[in-house]
Protein backbone atom coordinates (compact mmCIF):
# COMPACT_ATOMS: atom_id res chain seq x y z
CA MET A 1 25.44 29.47 12.37
CA ARG A 2 23.89 26.06 12.94
CA PRO A 3 25.99 22.86 13.04
CA THR A 4 26.94 21.56 9.55
CA ALA A 5 24.83 18.48 9.60
CA ILE A 6 21.97 17.38 7.32
CA THR A 7 19.54 14.88 8.72
CA PHE A 8 17.56 12.43 6.59
CA LEU A 9 14.54 10.58 7.95
CA LEU A 10 13.32 7.39 6.26
CA SER A 11 10.07 6.64 7.89
CA PHE A 12 7.43 3.83 8.39
CA SER A 13 3.79 4.93 8.80
CA ALA A 14 1.07 3.87 11.18
CA VAL A 15 -2.45 4.68 12.58
CA SER A 16 -2.22 4.71 16.33
CA ALA A 17 -0.04 1.67 17.00
CA GLN A 18 1.20 -0.04 13.87
CA GLU A 19 0.48 -3.73 13.82
CA ALA A 20 2.89 -4.93 11.17
CA MET A 21 6.15 -3.61 12.57
CA PRO A 22 8.38 -4.81 15.45
CA SER A 23 6.88 -3.59 18.74
CA PHE A 24 9.55 -4.73 21.19
CA GLY A 25 11.56 -1.51 21.49
CA HIS A 26 8.55 0.71 22.10
CA SER A 27 6.67 -1.69 24.38
CA ARG A 28 9.67 -2.57 26.55
CA THR A 29 10.81 1.02 26.84
CA ARG A 30 7.34 2.26 27.80
CA GLU A 31 6.92 -0.50 30.39
CA ALA A 32 10.29 0.19 32.04
CA ALA A 33 9.57 3.91 32.14
CA ALA A 34 6.20 3.33 33.87
CA LEU A 35 7.85 0.97 36.38
CA GLY A 36 10.58 3.46 37.27
CA VAL A 37 13.31 1.13 35.98
CA LEU A 38 16.18 2.32 33.81
CA PRO A 39 16.31 0.37 30.53
CA THR A 40 19.25 -1.36 28.87
CA PRO A 41 20.42 0.09 25.57
CA LEU A 42 19.03 -2.94 23.74
CA GLU A 43 15.52 -2.28 25.13
CA VAL A 44 15.52 1.23 23.74
CA ALA A 45 15.40 0.14 20.09
CA VAL A 46 15.25 3.51 18.33
CA ALA A 47 13.78 2.30 15.04
CA ASP A 48 10.94 0.47 16.85
CA ILE A 49 10.02 3.65 18.74
CA VAL A 50 10.10 5.82 15.59
CA ASN A 51 8.05 3.32 13.60
CA TYR A 52 5.50 2.52 16.31
CA HIS A 53 2.86 5.02 15.20
CA ARG A 54 1.08 5.12 11.86
CA HIS A 55 2.16 7.93 9.55
CA ARG A 56 0.03 9.68 6.92
CA LEU A 57 1.60 8.47 3.67
CA PRO A 58 0.20 7.56 0.25
CA LEU A 59 -0.76 3.95 -0.32
CA PRO A 60 0.37 1.76 -3.23
CA HIS A 61 -1.71 2.00 -6.37
CA GLY A 62 -2.15 -0.08 -9.47
CA ASP A 63 -0.19 -3.33 -9.43
CA ASN A 64 2.41 -2.01 -6.95
CA ASP A 65 2.89 -3.82 -3.63
CA VAL A 66 4.94 -1.01 -2.06
CA MET A 67 4.80 2.78 -2.33
CA ALA A 68 7.85 5.03 -1.71
CA GLU A 69 7.80 8.77 -1.09
CA LEU A 70 10.58 11.27 -0.37
CA ARG A 71 10.07 14.60 1.35
CA PHE A 72 12.24 17.16 3.12
CA GLY A 73 11.61 18.98 6.35
CA ASN A 74 12.38 22.00 4.23
CA THR A 75 13.17 21.92 0.51
CA VAL A 76 15.58 24.87 0.83
CA VAL A 77 18.69 24.51 3.00
CA GLY A 78 21.28 27.15 3.80
CA VAL A 79 25.00 26.50 3.55
CA GLY A 80 25.98 24.98 6.91
CA ASP A 81 22.37 24.36 7.98
CA GLU A 82 20.62 21.07 8.66
CA VAL A 83 17.88 19.43 6.65
CA VAL A 84 15.70 16.39 7.32
CA LEU A 85 14.67 14.05 4.51
CA GLN A 86 11.90 11.53 5.02
CA LEU A 87 11.69 8.42 2.86
CA GLY A 88 8.25 7.01 3.60
CA TYR A 89 7.02 3.66 2.34
CA THR A 90 3.76 1.79 2.68
CA THR A 91 2.11 -1.47 1.84
CA ALA A 92 -1.56 -1.86 1.13
CA PRO A 93 -3.91 -2.73 4.01
CA GLY A 94 -6.65 -5.31 3.71
CA ASP A 95 -8.11 -8.40 5.33
CA ASP A 96 -8.74 -10.33 2.13
CA ARG A 97 -6.05 -13.06 2.07
CA ALA A 98 -7.49 -14.80 -0.99
CA ASP A 99 -4.74 -13.33 -3.18
CA LEU A 100 -1.90 -14.35 -0.89
CA PRO A 101 0.23 -17.46 -1.42
CA PRO A 102 -0.52 -20.60 0.62
CA LEU A 103 0.73 -20.43 4.22
CA ASN A 104 3.17 -23.02 5.58
CA LEU A 105 3.28 -22.29 9.32
CA ALA A 106 4.58 -23.80 12.55
CA LEU A 107 3.33 -22.59 15.92
CA VAL A 108 6.09 -23.21 18.55
CA ILE A 109 4.60 -22.75 22.00
CA ASP A 110 6.38 -22.63 25.40
CA LYS A 111 4.48 -24.77 27.91
CA SER A 112 7.04 -24.66 30.71
CA GLY A 113 5.93 -24.41 34.33
CA SER A 114 6.07 -20.59 34.40
CA MET A 115 3.31 -20.48 31.77
CA GLU A 116 0.89 -21.51 34.50
CA GLU A 117 1.48 -18.23 36.38
CA VAL A 118 -1.28 -15.59 36.25
CA GLY A 119 -3.20 -17.65 33.72
CA LYS A 120 -0.75 -17.19 30.89
CA MET A 121 -1.31 -20.58 29.31
CA GLU A 122 -5.07 -20.15 29.31
CA GLN A 123 -4.71 -16.74 27.65
CA VAL A 124 -2.34 -18.20 25.08
CA LYS A 125 -4.72 -21.06 24.28
CA ARG A 126 -7.66 -18.70 23.79
CA ALA A 127 -5.60 -16.43 21.58
CA LEU A 128 -4.27 -19.32 19.50
CA THR A 129 -7.74 -20.67 18.96
CA ALA A 130 -8.96 -17.27 17.73
CA PHE A 131 -5.87 -17.03 15.51
CA VAL A 132 -6.58 -20.45 13.94
CA GLU A 133 -10.12 -19.32 13.11
CA ARG A 134 -8.63 -16.59 10.89
CA LEU A 135 -6.54 -19.00 8.82
CA ARG A 136 -7.70 -20.47 5.49
CA PRO A 137 -8.67 -24.15 5.09
CA THR A 138 -5.88 -24.52 2.51
CA ASP A 139 -3.18 -23.26 4.91
CA ARG A 140 -0.70 -25.82 6.26
CA VAL A 141 0.00 -25.69 10.02
CA ALA A 142 2.12 -27.61 12.55
CA LEU A 143 1.91 -27.32 16.39
CA VAL A 144 5.11 -27.83 18.39
CA SER A 145 5.19 -27.51 22.17
CA TYR A 146 8.15 -27.55 24.50
CA ASP A 147 9.06 -27.57 28.18
CA ALA A 148 12.08 -29.64 29.20
CA GLU A 149 11.13 -31.92 26.33
CA VAL A 150 9.96 -31.16 22.81
CA ALA A 151 6.75 -32.56 21.39
CA ILE A 152 5.40 -32.29 17.84
CA ALA A 153 1.83 -32.07 19.06
CA GLU A 154 0.57 -32.05 15.47
CA PRO A 155 2.79 -32.54 12.44
CA SER A 156 2.34 -30.16 9.54
CA ARG A 157 -0.89 -30.73 7.65
CA ARG A 158 -3.65 -28.89 5.78
CA LEU A 159 -5.87 -26.94 8.18
CA ASP A 160 -9.29 -27.82 6.67
CA ASP A 161 -11.89 -27.00 9.33
CA GLY A 162 -9.15 -26.56 11.99
CA ARG A 163 -10.92 -28.58 14.72
CA TRP A 164 -8.00 -30.97 15.03
CA LEU A 165 -5.65 -28.04 15.70
CA CYS A 166 -8.02 -26.37 18.21
CA ASP A 167 -8.29 -29.68 20.07
CA ALA A 168 -4.47 -30.01 20.21
CA ILE A 169 -4.19 -26.43 21.53
CA ALA A 170 -6.75 -27.21 24.24
CA ARG A 171 -4.57 -30.11 25.44
CA LEU A 172 -1.51 -27.96 26.13
CA THR A 173 -0.61 -28.21 29.84
CA PRO A 174 2.24 -26.24 31.50
CA GLY A 175 5.03 -27.89 33.47
CA GLY A 176 8.78 -28.31 33.37
CA ALA A 177 11.81 -26.34 32.22
CA THR A 178 12.41 -24.45 28.93
CA ASN A 179 14.06 -26.19 25.96
CA LEU A 180 13.62 -23.24 23.63
CA HIS A 181 16.28 -24.43 21.19
CA GLY A 182 14.70 -27.85 20.77
CA GLY A 183 11.22 -26.42 20.18
CA LEU A 184 12.45 -23.84 17.72
CA ILE A 185 14.48 -26.28 15.61
CA ALA A 186 11.56 -28.77 15.57
CA GLY A 187 9.27 -26.00 14.29
CA LEU A 188 11.78 -24.93 11.62
CA ARG A 189 12.15 -28.51 10.48
CA GLU A 190 8.37 -28.95 10.16
CA VAL A 191 8.15 -25.87 7.94
CA ALA A 192 11.26 -26.87 5.94
CA ARG A 193 9.72 -30.23 5.04
CA HIS A 194 7.03 -28.45 2.97
CA ALA A 195 8.75 -25.17 2.10
CA SER A 196 8.74 -23.87 -1.47
CA SER A 197 9.15 -20.52 -3.23
CA ALA A 198 5.41 -20.59 -3.92
CA THR A 199 4.41 -20.68 -0.23
CA SER A 200 4.77 -18.29 2.67
CA ASN A 201 6.96 -20.23 5.10
CA ARG A 202 6.77 -19.00 8.68
CA VAL A 203 7.55 -20.01 12.26
CA LEU A 204 5.99 -18.25 15.26
CA LEU A 205 7.92 -18.85 18.50
CA LEU A 206 6.29 -17.93 21.80
CA THR A 207 8.06 -18.01 25.16
CA ASP A 208 7.84 -16.48 28.62
CA GLY A 209 11.32 -17.54 29.79
CA ILE A 210 14.95 -18.15 29.13
CA ALA A 211 16.42 -21.28 27.53
CA ASN A 212 17.60 -23.53 30.40
CA ARG A 213 17.43 -27.05 28.92
CA GLY A 214 19.05 -28.50 25.83
CA GLU A 215 21.24 -26.06 23.92
CA THR A 216 21.38 -22.81 25.95
CA ASP A 217 24.18 -20.94 24.20
CA PRO A 218 22.50 -18.05 22.35
CA GLU A 219 25.19 -17.98 19.63
CA ARG A 220 24.68 -21.66 18.81
CA ILE A 221 20.90 -21.26 18.84
CA LEU A 222 21.18 -18.34 16.42
CA ALA A 223 23.64 -20.17 14.19
CA GLU A 224 21.49 -23.30 13.94
CA ALA A 225 18.31 -21.26 13.33
CA SER A 226 20.05 -19.26 10.59
CA GLU A 227 20.61 -22.47 8.58
CA TYR A 228 16.85 -22.45 8.03
CA THR A 229 16.05 -18.74 7.95
CA ALA A 230 18.83 -18.05 5.47
CA GLU A 231 16.63 -19.75 2.90
CA ASP A 232 12.87 -19.07 2.56
CA ILE A 233 11.68 -19.48 6.17
CA ASP A 234 10.75 -16.38 8.16
CA LEU A 235 10.78 -16.34 11.93
CA SER A 236 8.83 -14.12 14.31
CA THR A 237 9.16 -14.23 18.10
CA ILE A 238 6.64 -13.36 20.84
CA GLY A 239 7.97 -12.71 24.34
CA VAL A 240 5.63 -12.61 27.34
CA GLY A 241 6.63 -10.90 30.61
CA ARG A 242 9.99 -9.55 31.78
CA SER A 243 11.89 -12.86 32.42
CA LEU A 244 13.13 -13.16 28.81
CA ASP A 245 16.38 -13.33 26.89
CA VAL A 246 15.33 -10.29 24.88
CA THR A 247 18.66 -10.16 23.04
CA LEU A 248 18.15 -13.68 21.68
CA LEU A 249 14.50 -13.15 20.75
CA ASP A 250 15.27 -9.90 19.03
CA ARG A 251 18.21 -11.31 17.08
CA LEU A 252 16.26 -14.43 16.09
CA ALA A 253 13.45 -12.29 14.65
CA ARG A 254 15.72 -9.82 12.88
CA GLY A 255 17.85 -12.65 11.47
CA GLY A 256 14.66 -14.36 10.33
CA ARG A 257 13.30 -11.21 8.69
CA GLY A 258 10.33 -11.35 11.07
CA LEU A 259 8.86 -9.37 13.98
CA PHE A 260 9.69 -9.43 17.67
CA HIS A 261 6.50 -8.78 19.65
CA TYR A 262 6.88 -8.03 23.32
CA VAL A 263 3.82 -8.30 25.54
CA ALA A 264 4.02 -7.24 29.15
CA ASP A 265 1.31 -9.59 30.42
CA ALA A 266 -1.01 -12.30 29.29
CA GLN A 267 -3.82 -9.92 28.41
CA ASP A 268 -1.73 -8.52 25.53
CA ILE A 269 -1.32 -11.96 23.93
CA GLN A 270 -4.81 -11.65 22.44
CA LYS A 271 -3.74 -8.47 20.68
CA VAL A 272 -0.75 -10.11 19.01
CA PHE A 273 -2.57 -13.21 17.73
CA VAL A 274 -5.97 -11.65 16.95
CA ASP A 275 -5.58 -7.96 16.23
CA GLU A 276 -2.24 -8.43 14.50
CA HIS A 277 -2.82 -11.76 12.74
CA GLU A 278 -2.33 -10.15 9.33
CA SER A 279 1.16 -9.02 10.30
CA LEU A 280 2.03 -12.56 11.31
CA VAL A 281 0.88 -14.40 8.20
CA ALA A 282 0.43 -11.88 5.36
CA PRO A 283 3.82 -11.09 3.76
CA VAL A 284 3.89 -8.59 0.95
CA ALA A 285 7.63 -7.95 0.38
CA ARG A 286 10.63 -10.11 1.36
CA ARG A 287 14.38 -9.39 1.41
CA VAL A 288 13.76 -5.67 1.45
CA GLU A 289 16.55 -3.13 0.99
CA ALA A 290 16.40 0.63 0.78
CA ASP A 291 19.05 2.33 -1.35
CA ILE A 292 19.62 6.07 -1.07
CA ARG A 293 21.88 7.87 -3.50
CA LEU A 294 23.24 11.07 -2.02
CA PRO A 295 24.47 13.84 -4.26
CA ARG A 296 28.04 15.03 -4.03
CA GLU A 297 27.00 18.02 -1.84
CA LEU A 298 25.97 15.70 0.99
CA GLU A 299 28.18 13.59 3.26
CA LEU A 300 26.74 10.80 5.43
CA VAL A 301 27.21 11.18 9.16
CA ARG A 302 25.04 8.35 10.53
CA VAL A 303 21.94 6.25 9.93
CA VAL A 304 19.59 6.42 12.91
CA GLY A 305 18.40 3.16 14.39
CA HIS A 306 19.63 0.89 11.56
CA ALA A 307 22.81 -0.77 10.45
CA HIS A 308 23.85 0.26 6.95
CA ARG A 309 26.35 -0.13 4.16
CA SER A 310 27.80 2.88 2.38
CA THR A 311 30.21 3.63 -0.45
CA GLY A 312 32.48 6.52 -1.16
CA GLY A 313 30.23 7.42 -4.07
CA GLY A 314 27.34 8.46 -1.77
CA ASP A 315 25.24 5.28 -1.96
CA VAL A 316 23.70 4.13 1.32
CA THR A 317 21.96 0.77 1.67
CA VAL A 318 19.78 -0.26 4.63
CA ALA A 319 18.36 -3.78 5.05
CA LEU A 320 14.77 -3.74 6.29
CA PRO A 321 12.57 -6.45 7.76
CA ASN A 322 10.04 -8.20 5.59
CA LEU A 323 7.00 -6.01 4.93
CA ASN A 324 3.52 -7.32 5.71
CA ARG A 325 0.03 -5.92 5.05
CA GLY A 326 -0.61 -2.44 6.43
CA VAL A 327 3.02 -1.24 6.89
CA THR A 328 4.17 2.32 6.68
CA GLY A 329 7.79 3.26 7.36
CA VAL A 330 10.92 5.46 8.22
CA LEU A 331 14.79 5.53 8.34
CA LEU A 332 16.94 8.40 9.56
CA LEU A 333 20.13 9.52 7.87
CA VAL A 334 22.23 12.35 9.22
CA CYS A 335 24.34 14.03 6.57
CA ARG A 336 26.55 17.08 6.30
CA LEU A 337 26.42 19.73 3.63
CA ARG A 338 29.92 19.91 2.13
CA CYS A 339 29.71 22.78 -0.31
CA ASP A 340 30.71 26.48 -0.14
CA ARG A 341 28.68 29.62 -0.64
CA GLY A 342 29.31 29.45 -4.34
CA ALA A 343 26.76 26.63 -4.42
CA VAL A 344 23.86 28.90 -3.41
CA GLY A 345 21.06 28.45 -5.92
CA ARG A 346 22.20 25.00 -6.98
CA VAL A 347 19.66 22.16 -6.95
CA ALA A 348 20.75 18.79 -5.50
CA ARG A 349 18.76 15.71 -6.46
CA ILE A 350 18.29 12.76 -4.05
CA GLU A 351 17.18 9.39 -5.43
CA SER A 352 16.02 6.31 -3.53
CA SER A 353 15.00 2.77 -4.45
CA ILE A 354 13.30 0.02 -2.43
CA HIS A 355 14.19 -3.40 -3.72
CA TYR A 356 12.19 -6.48 -2.64
CA SER A 357 10.84 -9.84 -3.73
CA THR A 358 7.22 -10.81 -3.66
CA PRO A 359 6.27 -14.20 -2.09
CA GLY A 360 6.31 -16.67 -4.92
CA GLY A 361 7.33 -13.92 -7.35
CA GLY A 362 10.38 -12.20 -8.71
CA PRO A 363 12.35 -9.11 -7.71
CA ARG A 364 10.70 -5.67 -7.81
CA THR A 365 11.79 -2.08 -7.29
CA VAL A 366 9.93 1.11 -6.45
CA ARG A 367 11.65 4.47 -6.74
CA ALA A 368 11.23 7.98 -5.43
CA GLU A 369 13.23 11.16 -5.81
CA GLN A 370 13.30 14.67 -4.41
CA GLN A 371 15.35 17.80 -4.90
CA LEU A 372 16.86 20.27 -2.53
CA THR A 373 17.73 23.88 -3.25
CA ILE A 374 20.84 25.26 -1.61
CA GLY A 375 20.04 28.68 -0.25
CA THR A 376 21.47 31.24 2.18
CA ASP A 377 22.01 30.67 5.93
CA GLY A 378 19.31 30.32 8.51
CA GLN A 379 16.64 28.27 6.77
CA GLU A 380 13.95 26.61 8.89
CA LEU A 381 14.79 22.98 9.69
CA LEU A 382 11.38 21.37 10.01
CA ARG A 383 8.71 23.20 8.01
CA ASP A 384 6.91 20.02 6.90
CA PRO A 385 4.63 18.97 9.84
CA GLU A 386 4.90 15.22 9.29
CA VAL A 387 8.72 15.29 9.10
CA ARG A 388 8.82 17.57 12.15
CA LYS A 389 6.73 15.02 14.12
CA ASN A 390 8.74 11.98 13.04
CA TYR A 391 12.12 13.61 13.60
CA THR A 392 11.11 14.85 17.05
CA ILE A 393 10.16 11.35 18.06
CA ALA A 394 13.48 10.07 16.68
CA VAL A 395 15.45 12.63 18.74
CA LEU A 396 13.58 11.61 21.88
CA ALA A 397 14.28 7.94 21.14
CA GLU A 398 17.97 8.62 20.54
CA GLY A 399 18.12 10.59 23.76
CA MET A 400 16.68 7.69 25.76
CA HIS A 401 19.08 5.26 24.04
CA GLU A 402 22.09 7.45 24.86
CA MET A 403 20.76 7.80 28.44
CA ALA A 404 20.61 4.00 28.71
CA GLU A 405 24.19 3.62 27.43
CA GLN A 406 25.54 6.23 29.83
CA ALA A 407 23.58 4.81 32.76
CA ALA A 408 24.91 1.32 32.02
CA ALA A 409 28.41 2.82 32.45
CA ARG A 410 27.25 4.60 35.64
CA ARG A 411 27.89 7.99 34.05
CA TRP A 412 24.84 9.55 35.63
CA ALA A 413 25.45 13.18 34.70
CA ALA A 414 26.08 12.28 31.07
CA ALA A 415 22.92 10.18 31.05
CA ASP A 416 20.91 13.08 32.42
CA HIS A 417 22.44 15.48 29.86
CA ALA A 418 21.44 13.22 26.94
CA LEU A 419 17.88 12.99 28.17
CA GLN A 420 17.48 16.71 28.95
CA SER A 421 18.90 17.69 25.56
CA ALA A 422 16.35 15.49 23.76
CA LEU A 423 13.47 16.86 25.92
CA ALA A 424 14.60 20.45 25.21
CA PHE A 425 14.58 19.75 21.45
CA ALA A 426 11.05 18.30 21.71
CA ARG A 427 9.86 21.36 23.65
CA ARG A 428 11.09 23.67 20.90
CA GLN A 429 9.25 21.66 18.27
CA PHE A 430 6.08 20.86 20.24
CA GLU A 431 5.33 23.26 23.06
CA SER A 432 1.89 21.66 23.73
CA ASP A 433 0.87 18.06 24.14
CA ASP A 434 -1.64 18.11 21.26
CA ASP A 435 0.15 15.43 19.23
CA VAL A 436 -0.58 12.12 20.97
CA ASP A 437 2.27 10.23 19.31
CA VAL A 438 4.93 12.77 20.27
CA GLU A 439 3.44 13.10 23.75
CA ARG A 440 3.52 9.31 24.30
CA VAL A 441 7.24 9.21 23.67
CA ARG A 442 7.89 12.43 25.54
CA LEU A 443 6.06 10.97 28.58
CA MET A 444 8.54 8.03 28.58
CA ALA A 445 11.46 10.45 28.57
CA ARG A 446 9.97 12.47 31.41
CA GLN A 447 9.37 9.31 33.47
CA TYR A 448 13.02 8.25 32.91
CA SER A 449 14.09 11.76 33.92
CA GLN A 450 12.39 11.33 37.30
CA THR A 451 13.93 7.90 37.80
CA LEU A 452 17.38 9.12 36.75
CA LYS A 453 17.19 12.08 39.14
CA GLY A 454 17.55 9.70 42.11
CA TYR A 455 20.79 8.32 40.71
CA VAL A 456 22.19 11.77 39.87
CA ASP A 457 21.40 13.09 43.35
CA ARG A 458 22.77 10.01 45.06
CA PHE A 459 26.11 9.93 43.27
CA ARG A 460 26.67 13.69 42.78
CA ASP A 461 29.08 14.02 45.68
CA LEU A 462 30.86 10.66 45.29
């Protein structure tokens, strides 16, 4: 008999790489794997890896901003078997921003001395100029730069033809230390001066380093930033290179309901500002929460990759980041079937709701439901191909995260076991490498396996 656990997958969708979701966890994990470096647990952000690719899910229709869909890996589950439920959600794609609320934006740009290395500042300036060309004349923008000192290069004003902003960007010159706190708070204040419920209020913070001037305590930086982001200001962060306080940048973005983009080198900066400009400035849903109501037959074991709140009555709530244009999505819940064989033939109904607010509008809710038939033992776990794919990627991501935790504690054998177990599960689900999204994540795990082997061999006899 299989273990008595039922697994639910709530999933974001994507085509190839998904532009409008946090990319840090996937990008950082892939880079460390390629370099032969073991990651920290923070770097292996499971939700980011699961949600990196674009899933095939229905798009919103009519006046809806968000679409929700529930599906099982198998709609029949045997007593004591596992089952996977996928809650997918999407927002409409589109490059037409005419229907979006006015943008109130601050660009906060690190111009410390390290930005001169390998042409980073020149790449940033080119990307920013291309980004400005995609904004509307009616958008309001401020430019804040920082090194050891903070400068409001251009106070917040209407963009119009944008030449004034492009000229200010061209004048940015690297040199000095990194007063990240001062630059961030100056940008937040510029946006706060003109913030309203009718505008999209956003700060984009770019840095290639660690705060070493002004306030450097991450907890104080987070606390002061939250005084602004707790209201109607969203914050996204962009980290360039490996010399970053990734914990701070990640927490700032998550606390500000924004995205944390990680780019390994200057070449990728263009992708963030140009290819992903919609995800930076085109919000669709804010203050998003997913509620899942489990029937009495199911008991929650864990939510994969996300913090959650739960009640004894079976309600599970997960806070999600703001949703921009072109998002598709997933969460993972692991549950246990807690009924006896007398329940065979019974139908259990699962209900879900996604609650959100539209920019400049009121609260909205979209709902989805699905039912599960309790059958005899030995039912197939992952009959649905999309759920099978997403759950396999999730298992690989969890295996790499567990590996990172065990390696951090220097428990090399346990780290290797976690990784090999995940790879074995993936082999059972996907014997070939035909699925490029699964294979991309499996390649990371295999690369970590080779790196980890050196540690296992070295410390086996100690």
